Amino acid sequence: MKKIMVCIKRVVDYNVRVRVKADGSGVMLDGVKMSVNPFDEIALEEALRIKERGTNAEILAVAIGVAEAQQQLRTALAMGADRAILVQTEQPVEPLTAAQTFLALARRENPDLILLGKQAIDDDANQTGQMLAALWDRPQATYASKLAIDGGKATVTREVDAGLETIEVDLPAVVSVDLRLNEPRYVKLPDIMKAKKKPLDVVSLESLGVAAAVWLKAVKTEPPPQRQKGIMVKDVAELVGVLKSKGLI
């Protein structure tokens, strides 16, 4: 294996409490901490572990978004990626556009494996990996909780509704990862300093022949309903009475 491409996305940090704009047009991003999508961070960690197991593959981190997304790519470089590419655009990027962009990069870079998170925590679409595999006309394995590479094949254990499913796919392939695949490493200060010297190229969507089409329109954004305050009961009998009064039993 010579090259692994890891797709990452810039999202609101999962520790941040998301606030909805007063007019319901979206969520507030001004001054909000942004991070690498947690699922994509797991994908990058797995790519690094594959490399460390002796494949000596080049790890390429790619992202689509605004210029500030370079911060997340620098984080990927600090974790251990060899180089990075930002496809810069100010337009909202929907799953199909993301898949088309990653396809253009795949055709340029010819990776043996493309890894990405099963979904992003901002839209939870869970579509990009599947679309990319279809457009690339290559095998796919989704929801990976275990990944093993042997020659030109990948054995993937998937988390499905009935439990675990193990499949084998030919490389090159697209694999989207789940939470239980691994635990990403902690980035140390020396690695952050070294990452500043690693190559990070910036290209445009237009240079890849991709147009940011808009297929979806968010009509309104609303915060989740406020949870009702709990009540204290003295004993089981009172608990049963309360549940009956609410029609729960």
Protein backbone atom coordinates (compact mmCIF):
# COMPACT_ATOMS: atom_id res chain seq x y z
CA MET A 1 0.00 0.00 0.00
CA LYS A 2 1.43 3.31 -1.13
CA LYS A 3 -1.13 5.96 -0.22
CA ILE A 4 -4.13 6.43 2.08
CA MET A 5 -6.41 9.43 1.62
CA VAL A 6 -8.32 10.57 4.71
CA CYS A 7 -11.27 12.94 4.30
CA ILE A 8 -11.90 15.27 7.22
CA LYS A 9 -14.47 17.97 7.95
CA ARG A 10 -14.37 21.14 10.06
CA VAL A 11 -17.26 21.09 12.54
CA VAL A 12 -18.27 22.74 15.79
CA ASP A 13 -16.35 21.06 18.60
CA TYR A 14 -18.44 18.33 20.21
CA ASN A 15 -17.86 19.85 23.67
CA VAL A 16 -19.46 23.16 22.64
CA ARG A 17 -23.10 23.81 23.43
CA VAL A 18 -24.66 24.71 20.08
CA ARG A 19 -26.86 27.80 20.09
CA VAL A 20 -29.51 28.56 17.48
CA LYS A 21 -29.71 32.03 15.92
CA ALA A 22 -32.64 34.15 17.04
CA ASP A 23 -34.15 34.20 13.54
CA GLY A 24 -33.89 30.41 13.19
CA SER A 25 -31.64 30.67 10.13
CA GLY A 26 -28.98 28.37 11.54
CA VAL A 27 -26.58 27.95 14.45
CA MET A 28 -24.23 30.59 15.85
CA LEU A 29 -20.62 30.11 14.74
CA ASP A 30 -19.00 33.42 15.72
CA GLY A 31 -16.31 32.77 18.31
CA VAL A 32 -17.23 29.08 18.53
CA LYS A 33 -14.44 26.50 18.80
CA MET A 34 -14.14 24.36 15.68
CA SER A 35 -12.48 20.94 15.47
CA VAL A 36 -11.97 17.91 13.26
CA ASN A 37 -15.16 15.87 12.99
CA PRO A 38 -14.69 13.10 15.63
CA PHE A 39 -15.50 10.27 13.20
CA ASP A 40 -12.94 11.63 10.72
CA GLU A 41 -10.36 11.87 13.50
CA ILE A 42 -10.86 8.14 14.11
CA ALA A 43 -10.39 7.52 10.37
CA LEU A 44 -7.10 9.42 10.46
CA GLU A 45 -5.92 7.50 13.51
CA GLU A 46 -6.63 4.22 11.73
CA ALA A 47 -4.64 5.37 8.68
CA LEU A 48 -1.71 6.20 10.93
CA ARG A 49 -1.89 2.79 12.61
CA ILE A 50 -1.91 1.06 9.22
CA LYS A 51 1.23 2.99 8.31
CA GLU A 52 2.89 2.17 11.62
CA ARG A 53 2.24 -1.54 11.10
CA GLY A 54 4.87 -1.44 8.37
CA THR A 55 3.06 -0.43 5.19
CA ASN A 56 5.01 2.85 4.98
CA ALA A 57 2.05 4.39 3.17
CA GLU A 58 1.81 8.13 2.58
CA ILE A 59 -1.07 9.64 4.57
CA LEU A 60 -2.88 12.44 2.73
CA ALA A 61 -5.46 14.48 4.65
CA VAL A 62 -8.02 16.37 2.56
CA ALA A 63 -10.79 18.79 3.49
CA ILE A 64 -13.34 21.05 1.81
CA GLY A 65 -14.35 24.40 3.22
CA VAL A 66 -13.36 27.90 4.17
CA ALA A 67 -9.76 29.07 4.58
CA GLU A 68 -9.98 28.53 8.35
CA ALA A 69 -10.28 24.79 7.72
CA GLN A 70 -6.49 24.85 7.39
CA GLN A 71 -6.46 24.75 11.20
CA GLN A 72 -8.07 21.31 11.19
CA LEU A 73 -5.72 20.10 8.48
CA ARG A 74 -2.78 21.29 10.58
CA THR A 75 -4.20 19.19 13.41
CA ALA A 76 -4.24 16.21 11.05
CA LEU A 77 -0.63 16.91 10.11
CA ALA A 78 0.29 17.16 13.79
CA MET A 79 -1.29 13.76 14.40
CA GLY A 80 0.99 12.29 11.75
CA ALA A 81 -0.40 12.90 8.25
CA ASP A 82 2.35 13.51 5.70
CA ARG A 83 0.66 16.25 3.71
CA ALA A 84 -2.70 17.94 3.28
CA ILE A 85 -4.94 19.51 0.65
CA LEU A 86 -7.68 22.06 1.30
CA VAL A 87 -10.30 22.52 -1.40
CA GLN A 88 -11.27 26.06 -0.50
CA THR A 89 -14.79 27.35 -1.02
CA GLU A 90 -17.14 29.76 0.70
CA GLN A 91 -20.20 27.87 -0.54
CA PRO A 92 -22.06 25.32 1.61
CA VAL A 93 -20.89 21.82 0.73
CA GLU A 94 -23.55 19.12 0.53
CA PRO A 95 -22.72 15.39 0.55
CA LEU A 96 -22.89 14.99 -3.24
CA THR A 97 -20.57 17.93 -3.82
CA ALA A 98 -18.18 16.55 -1.20
CA ALA A 99 -18.21 13.14 -2.89
CA GLN A 100 -17.56 14.69 -6.31
CA THR A 101 -14.67 16.71 -4.87
CA PHE A 102 -13.08 13.71 -3.17
CA LEU A 103 -13.52 11.77 -6.42
CA ALA A 104 -11.57 14.43 -8.31
CA LEU A 105 -8.81 14.26 -5.70
CA ALA A 106 -8.81 10.46 -5.81
CA ARG A 107 -8.34 10.49 -9.55
CA ARG A 108 -5.45 12.91 -9.13
CA GLU A 109 -3.79 11.16 -6.19
CA ASN A 110 -4.63 7.48 -6.92
CA PRO A 111 -4.91 6.33 -3.27
CA ASP A 112 -5.06 2.63 -2.39
CA LEU A 113 -7.59 3.34 0.37
CA ILE A 114 -9.92 6.22 1.25
CA LEU A 115 -10.95 6.53 4.89
CA LEU A 116 -13.54 8.89 6.35
CA GLY A 117 -15.98 9.04 9.22
CA LYS A 118 -19.37 7.40 8.76
CA GLN A 119 -20.99 10.81 9.28
CA ALA A 120 -20.31 14.37 10.39
CA ILE A 121 -21.74 15.55 13.68
CA ASP A 122 -23.12 18.77 12.19
CA ASP A 123 -25.53 17.32 9.61
CA ASP A 124 -25.43 13.55 10.45
CA ALA A 125 -26.03 12.89 6.75
CA ASN A 126 -24.07 9.61 6.50
CA GLN A 127 -24.01 9.87 2.69
CA THR A 128 -20.60 11.07 1.48
CA GLY A 129 -18.73 7.77 1.75
CA GLN A 130 -21.40 5.80 -0.07
CA MET A 131 -21.70 8.42 -2.82
CA LEU A 132 -17.94 8.56 -3.25
CA ALA A 133 -17.67 4.78 -3.66
CA ALA A 134 -20.48 4.78 -6.23
CA LEU A 135 -18.97 7.62 -8.26
CA TRP A 136 -15.47 6.07 -8.04
CA ASP A 137 -16.91 2.67 -8.97
CA ARG A 138 -14.94 0.99 -6.20
CA PRO A 139 -15.99 -1.31 -3.28
CA GLN A 140 -17.17 0.24 -0.03
CA ALA A 141 -17.39 -0.86 3.59
CA THR A 142 -19.34 1.29 6.02
CA TYR A 143 -19.53 1.51 9.85
CA ALA A 144 -16.13 -0.16 10.31
CA SER A 145 -15.29 -1.17 13.87
CA LYS A 146 -12.24 -3.21 12.82
CA LEU A 147 -10.00 -2.98 9.76
CA ALA A 148 -7.21 -5.28 8.55
CA ILE A 149 -5.19 -4.86 5.36
CA ASP A 150 -3.61 -7.87 3.67
CA GLY A 151 -2.08 -7.31 0.27
CA GLY A 152 -4.70 -6.00 -2.12
CA LYS A 153 -7.65 -6.74 0.16
CA ALA A 154 -9.21 -5.19 3.26
CA THR A 155 -11.15 -7.17 5.85
CA VAL A 156 -13.70 -4.98 7.59
CA THR A 157 -15.85 -5.75 10.62
CA ARG A 158 -19.01 -3.67 10.39
CA GLU A 159 -21.48 -2.68 13.08
CA VAL A 160 -24.98 -3.52 11.84
CA ASP A 161 -28.39 -3.73 13.52
CA ALA A 162 -28.08 -7.50 14.06
CA GLY A 163 -24.57 -7.27 15.55
CA LEU A 164 -21.26 -7.54 13.70
CA GLU A 165 -20.68 -8.40 10.05
CA THR A 166 -17.27 -9.15 8.51
CA ILE A 167 -16.70 -8.52 4.80
CA GLU A 168 -13.72 -8.52 2.48
CA VAL A 169 -13.26 -5.88 -0.23
CA ASP A 170 -10.70 -5.42 -2.97
CA LEU A 171 -8.50 -2.32 -2.88
CA PRO A 172 -8.76 0.50 -3.80
CA ALA A 173 -11.86 0.93 -1.67
CA VAL A 174 -13.78 3.44 0.45
CA VAL A 175 -14.16 2.66 4.17
CA SER A 176 -16.24 4.76 6.56
CA VAL A 177 -15.47 4.25 10.23
CA ASP A 178 -17.46 4.01 13.45
CA LEU A 179 -16.64 5.13 16.98
CA ARG A 180 -15.37 1.81 18.29
CA LEU A 181 -12.62 1.40 15.71
CA ASN A 182 -9.97 3.11 17.86
CA GLU A 183 -9.17 6.00 20.18
CA PRO A 184 -7.30 8.88 18.47
CA ARG A 185 -3.91 9.83 19.85
CA TYR A 186 -3.20 12.98 21.80
CA VAL A 187 -1.40 15.67 19.80
CA LYS A 188 1.78 16.89 21.50
CA LEU A 189 3.30 20.37 21.20
CA PRO A 190 6.45 19.21 19.31
CA ASP A 191 4.19 17.53 16.74
CA ILE A 192 2.22 20.76 16.35
CA MET A 193 5.45 22.65 15.65
CA LYS A 194 6.59 20.04 13.11
CA ALA A 195 3.22 20.20 11.37
CA LYS A 196 3.85 23.83 10.40
CA LYS A 197 6.62 22.65 8.05
CA LYS A 198 4.57 19.94 6.36
CA PRO A 199 3.05 20.72 2.93
CA LEU A 200 -0.52 22.01 2.86
CA ASP A 201 -1.81 22.85 -0.62
CA VAL A 202 -4.88 24.98 -1.27
CA VAL A 203 -6.93 24.47 -4.44
CA SER A 204 -10.36 25.65 -5.56
CA LEU A 205 -13.46 23.67 -6.42
CA GLU A 206 -13.34 25.15 -9.90
CA SER A 207 -9.81 23.85 -10.51
CA LEU A 208 -11.14 20.33 -9.85
CA GLY A 209 -14.06 20.82 -12.21
CA VAL A 210 -16.65 20.68 -9.42
CA ALA A 211 -19.57 23.06 -8.93
CA ALA A 212 -21.14 23.50 -5.49
CA ALA A 213 -24.73 22.68 -6.39
CA VAL A 214 -27.44 23.34 -3.79
CA TRP A 215 -30.01 20.54 -3.58
CA LEU A 216 -31.17 21.02 0.00
CA LYS A 217 -32.57 24.10 1.72
CA ALA A 218 -32.83 24.44 5.48
CA VAL A 219 -36.19 26.06 6.09
CA LYS A 220 -35.78 26.63 9.81
CA THR A 221 -33.48 25.64 12.68
CA GLU A 222 -34.96 25.11 16.13
CA PRO A 223 -33.35 24.11 19.43
CA PRO A 224 -34.53 20.84 21.00
CA PRO A 225 -37.50 21.21 23.36
CA GLN A 226 -36.55 21.92 26.94
CA ARG A 227 -36.70 18.85 29.14
CA GLN A 228 -39.37 18.84 31.80
CA LYS A 229 -38.26 18.99 35.38
CA GLY A 230 -38.31 15.63 37.15
CA ILE A 231 -40.31 14.89 40.27
CA MET A 232 -39.45 12.97 43.44
CA VAL A 233 -41.63 10.09 44.63
CA LYS A 234 -41.68 8.46 48.05
CA ASP A 235 -42.09 4.83 47.04
CA VAL A 236 -42.83 2.42 44.19
CA ALA A 237 -46.57 2.73 44.65
CA GLU A 238 -46.43 6.49 44.10
CA LEU A 239 -44.13 6.00 41.09
CA VAL A 240 -46.63 3.60 39.51
CA GLY A 241 -49.44 6.09 40.17
CA VAL A 242 -47.53 8.91 38.46
CA LEU A 243 -46.71 6.75 35.45
CA LYS A 244 -50.37 5.74 35.13
CA SER A 245 -51.50 9.36 35.32
CA LYS A 246 -49.18 10.19 32.43
CA GLY A 247 -50.45 7.24 30.40
CA LEU A 248 -47.05 5.57 30.34
CA ILE A 249 -48.27 2.26 31.76
